[in-house]
């Protein structure tokens, strides 16, 4: 949560320490709604984690990336979303500075890891479609897991180093509320952070998923032409697959950009104008809500996930040899 352009003397005006009282019923409703959002995020990603880990048929390189994304989003739901929602409801930071530092490090590390895993999924899908024979030889479950672990350690170390050495300042206020929790990043490092953490992975995702869409259309067209030459009636199925692929890719990219873009636009504006804290917190929550939506985007569109959820909820995964069941 890097903010530039914040005036520390003005930050409590309006939102951080409000005088407005909230009725008990509204207060309870807000906390119940917050708990529901957190529960949805945690349970949705936990179902993906259990599915991919338990069923051996799902132990593929691509699914290891989906598993890594689910773990990252699960931790966002456990560690970040409850704190952010309490911050919004209480209208100020009610925790101490130690937890503030932990919250900032966890926020930076987990959101960055999640963004890059989405980019890795784009690379994986493009490589698998463009060169399937080389993909089966060059990519494996262990290699994908190793790449994800390396990225997690790298981002955590980078954020600790940036916070300690290169211009991060924890901004807190212990006089009222007891205050707020932000980190301030100078303009040079902010630009570097923006390019590396957002612009680069976003460019990779849009470019490669665009290429995936083109390749998928070519494959569908080739199948349709082959069916026409063979005088079969399967061309309708191929066209339906083409439309479905276009729909899934469009939803994936659109939701991803919709959740992340407002955060980075608003932090860029912080260089020019003073940021309104209430609006920023809501935009930050939208960033975290990407972790709630990701299970829908990456799993609920696939039949195997629906079958896995049914097996998990009916406790059939505890049956002998349930991990060997055919779910594809």
C-alpha atoms as a PDB file:
ATOM      1  CA  UNK A   1       0.000   0.000   0.000  1.00  0.00           C
ATOM      2  CA  UNK A   2       2.353   2.679  -1.177  1.00  0.00           C
ATOM      3  CA  UNK A   3       0.973   6.198  -1.159  1.00  0.00           C
ATOM      4  CA  UNK A   4       2.729   9.306  -2.311  1.00  0.00           C
ATOM      5  CA  UNK A   5       1.408  12.807  -1.847  1.00  0.00           C
ATOM      6  CA  UNK A   6      -0.153  12.257   1.582  1.00  0.00           C
ATOM      7  CA  UNK A   7      -0.047  15.176   3.968  1.00  0.00           C
ATOM      8  CA  UNK A   8       0.360  13.634   7.420  1.00  0.00           C
ATOM      9  CA  UNK A   9      -1.247  16.610   9.143  1.00  0.00           C
ATOM     10  CA  UNK A  10      -4.364  16.374   6.953  1.00  0.00           C
ATOM     11  CA  UNK A  11      -4.844  12.622   6.755  1.00  0.00           C
ATOM     12  CA  UNK A  12      -7.338  12.365   9.620  1.00  0.00           C
ATOM     13  CA  UNK A  13      -9.613  15.012   8.113  1.00  0.00           C
ATOM     14  CA  UNK A  14     -12.893  13.419   7.074  1.00  0.00           C
ATOM     15  CA  UNK A  15     -12.394   9.682   6.992  1.00  0.00           C
ATOM     16  CA  UNK A  16      -9.693   8.371   9.314  1.00  0.00           C
ATOM     17  CA  UNK A  17     -11.218   9.681  12.512  1.00  0.00           C
ATOM     18  CA  UNK A  18     -14.883  10.404  11.786  1.00  0.00           C
ATOM     19  CA  UNK A  19     -17.392  11.904  14.168  1.00  0.00           C
ATOM     20  CA  UNK A  20     -20.308  10.047  12.567  1.00  0.00           C
ATOM     21  CA  UNK A  21     -21.943   7.431  14.806  1.00  0.00           C
ATOM     22  CA  UNK A  22     -23.192   4.173  13.361  1.00  0.00           C
ATOM     23  CA  UNK A  23     -26.218   2.350  14.737  1.00  0.00           C
ATOM     24  CA  UNK A  24     -25.668  -1.046  16.322  1.00  0.00           C
ATOM     25  CA  UNK A  25     -27.731  -2.827  13.659  1.00  0.00           C
ATOM     26  CA  UNK A  26     -25.703  -1.327  10.815  1.00  0.00           C
ATOM     27  CA  UNK A  27     -22.490  -2.070  12.718  1.00  0.00           C
ATOM     28  CA  UNK A  28     -23.433  -5.734  13.145  1.00  0.00           C
ATOM     29  CA  UNK A  29     -24.553  -5.986   9.499  1.00  0.00           C
ATOM     30  CA  UNK A  30     -21.209  -4.607   8.330  1.00  0.00           C
ATOM     31  CA  UNK A  31     -19.276  -7.179  10.343  1.00  0.00           C
ATOM     32  CA  UNK A  32     -21.529 -10.033   9.208  1.00  0.00           C
ATOM     33  CA  UNK A  33     -21.035  -8.967   5.575  1.00  0.00           C
ATOM     34  CA  UNK A  34     -17.277  -8.734   6.117  1.00  0.00           C
ATOM     35  CA  UNK A  35     -17.214 -12.219   7.649  1.00  0.00           C
ATOM     36  CA  UNK A  36     -19.177 -13.585   4.674  1.00  0.00           C
ATOM     37  CA  UNK A  37     -16.686 -12.107   2.186  1.00  0.00           C
ATOM     38  CA  UNK A  38     -13.719 -13.513   4.106  1.00  0.00           C
ATOM     39  CA  UNK A  39     -15.395 -16.920   4.418  1.00  0.00           C
ATOM     40  CA  UNK A  40     -16.145 -17.008   0.686  1.00  0.00           C
ATOM     41  CA  UNK A  41     -12.534 -16.153  -0.148  1.00  0.00           C
ATOM     42  CA  UNK A  42     -11.029 -18.673   2.257  1.00  0.00           C
ATOM     43  CA  UNK A  43     -13.425 -21.541   1.452  1.00  0.00           C
ATOM     44  CA  UNK A  44     -13.328 -20.992  -2.319  1.00  0.00           C
ATOM     45  CA  UNK A  45      -9.549 -21.124  -2.461  1.00  0.00           C
ATOM     46  CA  UNK A  46      -9.378 -23.943   0.101  1.00  0.00           C
ATOM     47  CA  UNK A  47     -11.582 -26.091  -2.137  1.00  0.00           C
ATOM     48  CA  UNK A  48      -9.139 -25.564  -5.013  1.00  0.00           C
ATOM     49  CA  UNK A  49      -6.171 -26.416  -2.764  1.00  0.00           C
ATOM     50  CA  UNK A  50      -7.783 -29.637  -1.530  1.00  0.00           C
ATOM     51  CA  UNK A  51      -8.886 -30.640  -5.039  1.00  0.00           C
ATOM     52  CA  UNK A  52      -5.505 -30.216  -6.707  1.00  0.00           C
ATOM     53  CA  UNK A  53      -3.541 -31.706  -3.807  1.00  0.00           C
ATOM     54  CA  UNK A  54      -5.786 -34.738  -3.282  1.00  0.00           C
ATOM     55  CA  UNK A  55      -6.627 -35.963  -6.776  1.00  0.00           C
ATOM     56  CA  UNK A  56      -3.566 -37.324  -8.583  1.00  0.00           C
ATOM     57  CA  UNK A  57      -5.216 -36.791 -11.957  1.00  0.00           C
ATOM     58  CA  UNK A  58      -4.933 -33.041 -11.331  1.00  0.00           C
ATOM     59  CA  UNK A  59      -1.187 -33.128 -10.679  1.00  0.00           C
ATOM     60  CA  UNK A  60      -0.263 -31.303 -13.882  1.00  0.00           C
ATOM     61  CA  UNK A  61       2.109 -28.352 -14.416  1.00  0.00           C
ATOM     62  CA  UNK A  62      -0.761 -25.953 -15.150  1.00  0.00           C
ATOM     63  CA  UNK A  63      -2.730 -27.057 -12.105  1.00  0.00           C
ATOM     64  CA  UNK A  64       0.328 -26.489  -9.917  1.00  0.00           C
ATOM     65  CA  UNK A  65       0.177 -22.837 -10.955  1.00  0.00           C
ATOM     66  CA  UNK A  66      -3.548 -22.752 -10.190  1.00  0.00           C
ATOM     67  CA  UNK A  67      -2.758 -24.339  -6.815  1.00  0.00           C
ATOM     68  CA  UNK A  68      -0.106 -21.701  -6.120  1.00  0.00           C
ATOM     69  CA  UNK A  69      -2.540 -18.933  -7.013  1.00  0.00           C
ATOM     70  CA  UNK A  70      -5.138 -20.479  -4.701  1.00  0.00           C
ATOM     71  CA  UNK A  71      -2.618 -20.651  -1.832  1.00  0.00           C
ATOM     72  CA  UNK A  72      -1.692 -16.994  -2.357  1.00  0.00           C
ATOM     73  CA  UNK A  73      -5.350 -15.960  -2.508  1.00  0.00           C
ATOM     74  CA  UNK A  74      -6.129 -18.125   0.547  1.00  0.00           C
ATOM     75  CA  UNK A  75      -3.469 -16.259   2.536  1.00  0.00           C
ATOM     76  CA  UNK A  76      -4.900 -12.950   1.315  1.00  0.00           C
ATOM     77  CA  UNK A  77      -8.270 -14.056   2.675  1.00  0.00           C
ATOM     78  CA  UNK A  78      -6.799 -15.152   6.003  1.00  0.00           C
ATOM     79  CA  UNK A  79      -4.197 -12.442   6.652  1.00  0.00           C
ATOM     80  CA  UNK A  80      -5.212  -9.313   4.744  1.00  0.00           C
ATOM     81  CA  UNK A  81      -8.941  -9.143   4.079  1.00  0.00           C
ATOM     82  CA  UNK A  82     -10.105  -9.317   7.731  1.00  0.00           C
ATOM     83  CA  UNK A  83      -7.734  -6.502   8.702  1.00  0.00           C
ATOM     84  CA  UNK A  84      -8.704  -4.350   5.708  1.00  0.00           C
ATOM     85  CA  UNK A  85     -12.417  -4.841   6.385  1.00  0.00           C
ATOM     86  CA  UNK A  86     -12.031  -3.985  10.082  1.00  0.00           C
ATOM     87  CA  UNK A  87     -10.046  -0.892   9.060  1.00  0.00           C
ATOM     88  CA  UNK A  88     -12.869   0.212   6.751  1.00  0.00           C
ATOM     89  CA  UNK A  89     -15.644  -0.477   9.257  1.00  0.00           C
ATOM     90  CA  UNK A  90     -13.853   1.168  12.195  1.00  0.00           C
ATOM     91  CA  UNK A  91     -12.710   4.037   9.933  1.00  0.00           C
ATOM     92  CA  UNK A  92      -9.204   3.957  11.383  1.00  0.00           C
ATOM     93  CA  UNK A  93      -6.268   1.655  12.120  1.00  0.00           C
ATOM     94  CA  UNK A  94      -6.862   0.025  15.535  1.00  0.00           C
ATOM     95  CA  UNK A  95      -3.765  -2.222  15.607  1.00  0.00           C
ATOM     96  CA  UNK A  96      -0.191  -1.488  16.713  1.00  0.00           C
ATOM     97  CA  UNK A  97       2.819  -0.562  14.568  1.00  0.00           C
ATOM     98  CA  UNK A  98       4.289  -4.094  14.624  1.00  0.00           C
ATOM     99  CA  UNK A  99       1.146  -5.490  13.052  1.00  0.00           C
ATOM    100  CA  UNK A 100       1.156  -2.554  10.631  1.00  0.00           C
ATOM    101  CA  UNK A 101       4.606  -3.543   9.371  1.00  0.00           C
ATOM    102  CA  UNK A 102       3.523  -7.185   9.047  1.00  0.00           C
ATOM    103  CA  UNK A 103       0.338  -6.154   7.223  1.00  0.00           C
ATOM    104  CA  UNK A 104       2.244  -4.023   4.706  1.00  0.00           C
ATOM    105  CA  UNK A 105       4.840  -6.733   4.010  1.00  0.00           C
ATOM    106  CA  UNK A 106       2.168  -9.404   3.634  1.00  0.00           C
ATOM    107  CA  UNK A 107       0.072  -7.153   1.392  1.00  0.00           C
ATOM    108  CA  UNK A 108       2.936  -6.337  -0.949  1.00  0.00           C
ATOM    109  CA  UNK A 109       4.292  -9.889  -1.094  1.00  0.00           C
ATOM    110  CA  UNK A 110       0.999 -11.745  -1.564  1.00  0.00           C
ATOM    111  CA  UNK A 111      -0.572  -9.380  -4.097  1.00  0.00           C
ATOM    112  CA  UNK A 112       2.644  -9.257  -6.151  1.00  0.00           C
ATOM    113  CA  UNK A 113       2.969 -13.042  -6.060  1.00  0.00           C
ATOM    114  CA  UNK A 114      -0.665 -13.424  -7.126  1.00  0.00           C
ATOM    115  CA  UNK A 115      -0.181 -11.054 -10.081  1.00  0.00           C
ATOM    116  CA  UNK A 116       2.930 -12.872 -11.296  1.00  0.00           C
ATOM    117  CA  UNK A 117       1.311 -16.290 -10.946  1.00  0.00           C
ATOM    118  CA  UNK A 118      -1.501 -15.080 -13.206  1.00  0.00           C
ATOM    119  CA  UNK A 119       1.206 -14.013 -15.665  1.00  0.00           C
ATOM    120  CA  UNK A 120       2.874 -17.436 -15.350  1.00  0.00           C
ATOM    121  CA  UNK A 121      -0.434 -19.123 -16.148  1.00  0.00           C
ATOM    122  CA  UNK A 122      -0.615 -16.988 -19.297  1.00  0.00           C
ATOM    123  CA  UNK A 123       2.928 -18.057 -20.258  1.00  0.00           C
ATOM    124  CA  UNK A 124       2.108 -21.696 -19.503  1.00  0.00           C
ATOM    125  CA  UNK A 125      -1.061 -21.684 -21.647  1.00  0.00           C
ATOM    126  CA  UNK A 126       0.655 -19.937 -24.549  1.00  0.00           C
ATOM    127  CA  UNK A 127       3.609 -22.332 -24.478  1.00  0.00           C
ATOM    128  CA  UNK A 128       1.314 -25.372 -24.262  1.00  0.00           C
ATOM    129  CA  UNK A 129      -0.783 -24.273 -27.248  1.00  0.00           C
ATOM    130  CA  UNK A 130       1.988 -22.879 -29.443  1.00  0.00           C
ATOM    131  CA  UNK A 131       4.473 -25.739 -28.975  1.00  0.00           C
ATOM    132  CA  UNK A 132       2.782 -28.709 -27.260  1.00  0.00           C
ATOM    133  CA  UNK A 133       5.548 -31.239 -27.963  1.00  0.00           C
ATOM    134  CA  UNK A 134       8.297 -29.079 -26.501  1.00  0.00           C
ATOM    135  CA  UNK A 135       5.994 -28.133 -23.604  1.00  0.00           C
ATOM    136  CA  UNK A 136       5.620 -31.746 -22.463  1.00  0.00           C
ATOM    137  CA  UNK A 137       9.401 -32.157 -22.434  1.00  0.00           C
ATOM    138  CA  UNK A 138      10.410 -28.819 -20.921  1.00  0.00           C
ATOM    139  CA  UNK A 139       7.683 -28.193 -18.338  1.00  0.00           C
ATOM    140  CA  UNK A 140       6.964 -30.357 -15.302  1.00  0.00           C
ATOM    141  CA  UNK A 141       5.151 -30.177 -11.985  1.00  0.00           C
ATOM    142  CA  UNK A 142       8.397 -29.835 -10.016  1.00  0.00           C
ATOM    143  CA  UNK A 143       9.731 -27.072 -12.265  1.00  0.00           C
ATOM    144  CA  UNK A 144       6.570 -24.995 -11.959  1.00  0.00           C
ATOM    145  CA  UNK A 145       6.548 -25.442  -8.187  1.00  0.00           C
ATOM    146  CA  UNK A 146      10.190 -24.408  -8.000  1.00  0.00           C
ATOM    147  CA  UNK A 147       9.514 -21.257 -10.043  1.00  0.00           C
ATOM    148  CA  UNK A 148       6.630 -20.256  -7.773  1.00  0.00           C
ATOM    149  CA  UNK A 149       8.654 -20.858  -4.580  1.00  0.00           C
ATOM    150  CA  UNK A 150      11.507 -18.807  -6.035  1.00  0.00           C
ATOM    151  CA  UNK A 151       9.144 -15.922  -6.849  1.00  0.00           C
ATOM    152  CA  UNK A 152       7.622 -15.976  -3.355  1.00  0.00           C
ATOM    153  CA  UNK A 153      11.029 -15.802  -1.671  1.00  0.00           C
ATOM    154  CA  UNK A 154      12.262 -13.177  -4.140  1.00  0.00           C
ATOM    155  CA  UNK A 155       9.300 -10.838  -3.647  1.00  0.00           C
ATOM    156  CA  UNK A 156       9.390 -11.177   0.136  1.00  0.00           C
ATOM    157  CA  UNK A 157      13.114 -10.377   0.246  1.00  0.00           C
ATOM    158  CA  UNK A 158      12.694  -7.469  -2.184  1.00  0.00           C
ATOM    159  CA  UNK A 159       9.906  -5.894  -0.167  1.00  0.00           C
ATOM    160  CA  UNK A 160      11.825  -6.273   3.094  1.00  0.00           C
ATOM    161  CA  UNK A 161      14.883  -4.694   1.470  1.00  0.00           C
ATOM    162  CA  UNK A 162      12.869  -1.838  -0.057  1.00  0.00           C
ATOM    163  CA  UNK A 163      11.144  -1.117   3.210  1.00  0.00           C
ATOM    164  CA  UNK A 164      14.381  -1.187   5.164  1.00  0.00           C
ATOM    165  CA  UNK A 165      16.816   0.484   2.777  1.00  0.00           C
ATOM    166  CA  UNK A 166      15.120   2.308  -0.073  1.00  0.00           C
ATOM    167  CA  UNK A 167      12.585   4.875   0.993  1.00  0.00           C
ATOM    168  CA  UNK A 168       9.692   3.112   2.705  1.00  0.00           C
ATOM    169  CA  UNK A 169       8.412   4.931   5.756  1.00  0.00           C
ATOM    170  CA  UNK A 170       5.691   3.473   7.953  1.00  0.00           C
ATOM    171  CA  UNK A 171       3.145   6.228   8.568  1.00  0.00           C
ATOM    172  CA  UNK A 172       1.076   5.765  11.704  1.00  0.00           C
ATOM    173  CA  UNK A 173      -0.807   7.931  14.159  1.00  0.00           C
ATOM    174  CA  UNK A 174      -1.112   6.896  17.795  1.00  0.00           C
ATOM    175  CA  UNK A 175      -2.868  10.058  18.997  1.00  0.00           C
ATOM    176  CA  UNK A 176      -6.354   9.441  17.611  1.00  0.00           C
ATOM    177  CA  UNK A 177      -8.230   6.268  16.719  1.00  0.00           C
ATOM    178  CA  UNK A 178      -5.202   5.185  17.179  1.00  0.00           C
ATOM    179  CA  UNK A 179      -4.676   6.136  13.553  1.00  0.00           C
ATOM    180  CA  UNK A 180      -3.772   4.683  10.176  1.00  0.00           C
ATOM    181  CA  UNK A 181      -1.155   2.431   8.590  1.00  0.00           C
ATOM    182  CA  UNK A 182       0.527   3.278   5.305  1.00  0.00           C
ATOM    183  CA  UNK A 183       3.974   3.125   3.775  1.00  0.00           C
ATOM    184  CA  UNK A 184       5.371   6.045   1.834  1.00  0.00           C
ATOM    185  CA  UNK A 185       7.564   5.382  -1.207  1.00  0.00           C
ATOM    186  CA  UNK A 186       9.542   8.090  -2.968  1.00  0.00           C
ATOM    187  CA  UNK A 187       8.699   8.789  -6.616  1.00  0.00           C
ATOM    188  CA  UNK A 188      11.657   6.942  -8.138  1.00  0.00           C
ATOM    189  CA  UNK A 189      11.052   3.695  -6.313  1.00  0.00           C
ATOM    190  CA  UNK A 190       7.309   4.102  -6.787  1.00  0.00           C
ATOM    191  CA  UNK A 191       7.771   4.223 -10.569  1.00  0.00           C
ATOM    192  CA  UNK A 192      10.040   1.173 -10.458  1.00  0.00           C
ATOM    193  CA  UNK A 193       7.540  -0.636  -8.256  1.00  0.00           C
ATOM    194  CA  UNK A 194       4.686   0.262 -10.630  1.00  0.00           C
ATOM    195  CA  UNK A 195       6.495  -0.938 -13.749  1.00  0.00           C
ATOM    196  CA  UNK A 196       7.779  -4.199 -12.277  1.00  0.00           C
ATOM    197  CA  UNK A 197       4.753  -5.214 -10.222  1.00  0.00           C
ATOM    198  CA  UNK A 198       1.928  -4.096 -12.481  1.00  0.00           C
ATOM    199  CA  UNK A 199       2.795  -2.827 -15.962  1.00  0.00           C
ATOM    200  CA  UNK A 200       5.104  -5.720 -16.901  1.00  0.00           C
ATOM    201  CA  UNK A 201       2.888  -8.640 -15.725  1.00  0.00           C
ATOM    202  CA  UNK A 202      -0.218  -6.935 -17.139  1.00  0.00           C
ATOM    203  CA  UNK A 203       1.468  -6.562 -20.542  1.00  0.00           C
ATOM    204  CA  UNK A 204       2.482 -10.238 -20.432  1.00  0.00           C
ATOM    205  CA  UNK A 205      -1.046 -11.359 -19.522  1.00  0.00           C
ATOM    206  CA  UNK A 206      -2.839  -9.308 -22.180  1.00  0.00           C
ATOM    207  CA  UNK A 207      -0.302 -10.107 -24.923  1.00  0.00           C
ATOM    208  CA  UNK A 208      -0.103 -13.849 -24.302  1.00  0.00           C
ATOM    209  CA  UNK A 209      -3.804 -14.367 -23.695  1.00  0.00           C
ATOM    210  CA  UNK A 210      -4.405 -12.490 -26.935  1.00  0.00           C
ATOM    211  CA  UNK A 211      -2.080 -14.932 -28.649  1.00  0.00           C
ATOM    212  CA  UNK A 212      -3.813 -17.851 -26.928  1.00  0.00           C
ATOM    213  CA  UNK A 213      -7.148 -16.599 -28.259  1.00  0.00           C
ATOM    214  CA  UNK A 214      -5.747 -16.367 -31.809  1.00  0.00           C
ATOM    215  CA  UNK A 215      -4.262 -19.877 -31.621  1.00  0.00           C
ATOM    216  CA  UNK A 216      -7.506 -21.273 -30.186  1.00  0.00           C
ATOM    217  CA  UNK A 217      -9.453 -19.732 -33.070  1.00  0.00           C
ATOM    218  CA  UNK A 218      -7.044 -21.227 -35.594  1.00  0.00           C
ATOM    219  CA  UNK A 219      -7.417 -24.643 -33.997  1.00  0.00           C
ATOM    220  CA  UNK A 220     -11.209 -24.353 -33.988  1.00  0.00           C
ATOM    221  CA  UNK A 221     -11.221 -23.235 -37.616  1.00  0.00           C
ATOM    222  CA  UNK A 222      -8.971 -26.127 -38.619  1.00  0.00           C
ATOM    223  CA  UNK A 223     -11.233 -28.598 -36.841  1.00  0.00           C
ATOM    224  CA  UNK A 224     -14.319 -27.069 -38.474  1.00  0.00           C
ATOM    225  CA  UNK A 225     -12.756 -27.233 -41.943  1.00  0.00           C
ATOM    226  CA  UNK A 226     -11.722 -30.835 -41.337  1.00  0.00           C
ATOM    227  CA  UNK A 227     -15.258 -31.743 -40.266  1.00  0.00           C
ATOM    228  CA  UNK A 228     -16.698 -30.052 -43.355  1.00  0.00           C
ATOM    229  CA  UNK A 229     -14.360 -31.979 -45.623  1.00  0.00           C
ATOM    230  CA  UNK A 230     -15.321 -35.184 -43.847  1.00  0.00           C
ATOM    231  CA  UNK A 231     -19.001 -34.124 -44.117  1.00  0.00           C
ATOM    232  CA  UNK A 232     -19.553 -34.539 -40.403  1.00  0.00           C
ATOM    233  CA  UNK A 233     -21.766 -32.487 -38.125  1.00  0.00           C
ATOM    234  CA  UNK A 234     -19.269 -31.662 -35.411  1.00  0.00           C
ATOM    235  CA  UNK A 235     -18.524 -28.142 -36.661  1.00  0.00           C
ATOM    236  CA  UNK A 236     -21.172 -26.764 -34.304  1.00  0.00           C
ATOM    237  CA  UNK A 237     -19.266 -28.190 -31.331  1.00  0.00           C
ATOM    238  CA  UNK A 238     -16.020 -26.607 -32.492  1.00  0.00           C
ATOM    239  CA  UNK A 239     -17.654 -23.219 -32.915  1.00  0.00           C
ATOM    240  CA  UNK A 240     -19.204 -23.551 -29.477  1.00  0.00           C
ATOM    241  CA  UNK A 241     -15.763 -24.321 -28.017  1.00  0.00           C
ATOM    242  CA  UNK A 242     -14.352 -21.277 -29.794  1.00  0.00           C
ATOM    243  CA  UNK A 243     -17.002 -19.010 -28.295  1.00  0.00           C
ATOM    244  CA  UNK A 244     -16.489 -20.513 -24.836  1.00  0.00           C
ATOM    245  CA  UNK A 245     -12.721 -19.975 -25.024  1.00  0.00           C
ATOM    246  CA  UNK A 246     -13.247 -16.368 -26.067  1.00  0.00           C
ATOM    247  CA  UNK A 247     -15.724 -15.821 -23.218  1.00  0.00           C
ATOM    248  CA  UNK A 248     -13.485 -17.319 -20.536  1.00  0.00           C
ATOM    249  CA  UNK A 249     -10.431 -15.378 -21.692  1.00  0.00           C
ATOM    250  CA  UNK A 250     -12.422 -12.145 -21.907  1.00  0.00           C
ATOM    251  CA  UNK A 251     -13.803 -12.564 -18.386  1.00  0.00           C
ATOM    252  CA  UNK A 252     -10.388 -13.500 -17.017  1.00  0.00           C
ATOM    253  CA  UNK A 253      -8.566 -10.463 -18.369  1.00  0.00           C
ATOM    254  CA  UNK A 254     -11.435  -8.037 -17.707  1.00  0.00           C
ATOM    255  CA  UNK A 255     -11.902  -9.016 -14.045  1.00  0.00           C
ATOM    256  CA  UNK A 256      -8.167  -9.005 -13.435  1.00  0.00           C
ATOM    257  CA  UNK A 257      -7.750  -5.514 -14.860  1.00  0.00           C
ATOM    258  CA  UNK A 258     -10.920  -4.241 -13.149  1.00  0.00           C
ATOM    259  CA  UNK A 259      -9.629  -5.264  -9.715  1.00  0.00           C
ATOM    260  CA  UNK A 260      -6.032  -4.107 -10.075  1.00  0.00           C
ATOM    261  CA  UNK A 261      -6.152  -1.062 -12.331  1.00  0.00           C
ATOM    262  CA  UNK A 262      -8.057   1.297  -9.952  1.00  0.00           C
ATOM    263  CA  UNK A 263      -5.489   0.708  -7.198  1.00  0.00           C
ATOM    264  CA  UNK A 264      -2.521   1.600  -9.376  1.00  0.00           C
ATOM    265  CA  UNK A 265      -4.262   4.550 -11.028  1.00  0.00           C
ATOM    266  CA  UNK A 266      -5.188   5.997  -7.648  1.00  0.00           C
ATOM    267  CA  UNK A 267      -1.694   5.554  -6.235  1.00  0.00           C
ATOM    268  CA  UNK A 268      -0.268   7.281  -9.334  1.00  0.00           C
ATOM    269  CA  UNK A 269      -2.643  10.200  -8.720  1.00  0.00           C
ATOM    270  CA  UNK A 270      -1.208  10.414  -5.214  1.00  0.00           C
ATOM    271  CA  UNK A 271       1.874  12.010  -6.748  1.00  0.00           C
ATOM    272  CA  UNK A 272      -0.270  14.904  -8.008  1.00  0.00           C
ATOM    273  CA  UNK A 273      -3.196  15.222  -5.611  1.00  0.00           C
ATOM    274  CA  UNK A 274      -3.889  14.449  -1.990  1.00  0.00           C
ATOM    275  CA  UNK A 275      -5.405  11.002  -1.594  1.00  0.00           C
ATOM    276  CA  UNK A 276      -8.746  10.630   0.184  1.00  0.00           C
ATOM    277  CA  UNK A 277      -8.193   7.772   2.609  1.00  0.00           C
ATOM    278  CA  UNK A 278     -11.740   6.429   2.632  1.00  0.00           C
ATOM    279  CA  UNK A 279     -11.811   5.964  -1.130  1.00  0.00           C
ATOM    280  CA  UNK A 280      -8.319   4.491  -1.134  1.00  0.00           C
ATOM    281  CA  UNK A 281      -9.289   1.838   1.430  1.00  0.00           C
ATOM    282  CA  UNK A 282     -12.229   0.779  -0.715  1.00  0.00           C
ATOM    283  CA  UNK A 283      -9.997   0.562  -3.781  1.00  0.00           C
ATOM    284  CA  UNK A 284      -7.528  -1.481  -1.732  1.00  0.00           C
ATOM    285  CA  UNK A 285     -10.356  -3.820  -0.765  1.00  0.00           C
ATOM    286  CA  UNK A 286     -11.237  -4.191  -4.457  1.00  0.00           C
ATOM    287  CA  UNK A 287      -7.631  -5.293  -5.031  1.00  0.00           C
ATOM    288  CA  UNK A 288      -8.034  -7.970  -2.360  1.00  0.00           C
ATOM    289  CA  UNK A 289     -11.416  -9.031  -3.774  1.00  0.00           C
ATOM    290  CA  UNK A 290      -9.544 -10.319  -6.818  1.00  0.00           C
ATOM    291  CA  UNK A 291      -8.596 -13.200  -4.513  1.00  0.00           C
ATOM    292  CA  UNK A 292     -12.303 -13.875  -3.979  1.00  0.00           C
ATOM    293  CA  UNK A 293     -13.034 -13.835  -7.701  1.00  0.00           C
ATOM    294  CA  UNK A 294     -10.017 -15.887  -8.800  1.00  0.00           C
ATOM    295  CA  UNK A 295     -11.513 -19.255  -7.751  1.00  0.00           C
ATOM    296  CA  UNK A 296     -14.508 -18.475  -9.952  1.00  0.00           C
ATOM    297  CA  UNK A 297     -12.368 -17.468 -12.920  1.00  0.00           C
ATOM    298  CA  UNK A 298      -9.769 -20.224 -12.741  1.00  0.00           C
ATOM    299  CA  UNK A 299     -11.811 -23.100 -11.371  1.00  0.00           C
ATOM    300  CA  UNK A 300     -15.591 -22.788 -11.549  1.00  0.00           C
ATOM    301  CA  UNK A 301     -15.499 -22.657 -15.344  1.00  0.00           C
ATOM    302  CA  UNK A 302     -13.995 -26.144 -15.361  1.00  0.00           C
ATOM    303  CA  UNK A 303     -16.180 -29.249 -14.885  1.00  0.00           C
ATOM    304  CA  UNK A 304     -13.481 -31.047 -12.894  1.00  0.00           C
ATOM    305  CA  UNK A 305     -13.713 -28.455 -10.137  1.00  0.00           C
ATOM    306  CA  UNK A 306     -17.464 -28.866  -9.762  1.00  0.00           C
ATOM    307  CA  UNK A 307     -16.985 -32.637  -9.508  1.00  0.00           C
ATOM    308  CA  UNK A 308     -14.219 -32.211  -6.931  1.00  0.00           C
ATOM    309  CA  UNK A 309     -16.383 -29.883  -4.815  1.00  0.00           C
ATOM    310  CA  UNK A 310     -19.162 -32.477  -4.816  1.00  0.00           C
ATOM    311  CA  UNK A 311     -16.746 -35.211  -3.718  1.00  0.00           C
ATOM    312  CA  UNK A 312     -15.275 -32.992  -0.996  1.00  0.00           C
ATOM    313  CA  UNK A 313     -18.605 -31.801   0.413  1.00  0.00           C
ATOM    314  CA  UNK A 314     -20.008 -35.346   0.461  1.00  0.00           C
ATOM    315  CA  UNK A 315     -16.801 -36.527   2.244  1.00  0.00           C
ATOM    316  CA  UNK A 316     -16.144 -39.121  -0.454  1.00  0.00           C
ATOM    317  CA  UNK A 317     -12.509 -38.021  -0.570  1.00  0.00           C
ATOM    318  CA  UNK A 318     -12.020 -40.018   2.643  1.00  0.00           C
ATOM    319  CA  UNK A 319     -12.846 -43.254   0.831  1.00  0.00           C
ATOM    320  CA  UNK A 320     -10.006 -45.611   0.049  1.00  0.00           C
ATOM    321  CA  UNK A 321      -8.208 -44.780  -3.207  1.00  0.00           C
ATOM    322  CA  UNK A 322     -10.373 -41.685  -3.714  1.00  0.00           C
ATOM    323  CA  UNK A 323      -7.278 -39.833  -4.916  1.00  0.00           C
ATOM    324  CA  UNK A 324      -7.186 -42.124  -7.944  1.00  0.00           C
ATOM    325  CA  UNK A 325     -10.767 -41.372  -9.034  1.00  0.00           C
ATOM    326  CA  UNK A 326     -11.397 -40.231 -12.602  1.00  0.00           C
ATOM    327  CA  UNK A 327     -12.635 -36.649 -12.418  1.00  0.00           C
ATOM    328  CA  UNK A 328     -11.780 -35.368 -15.898  1.00  0.00           C
END
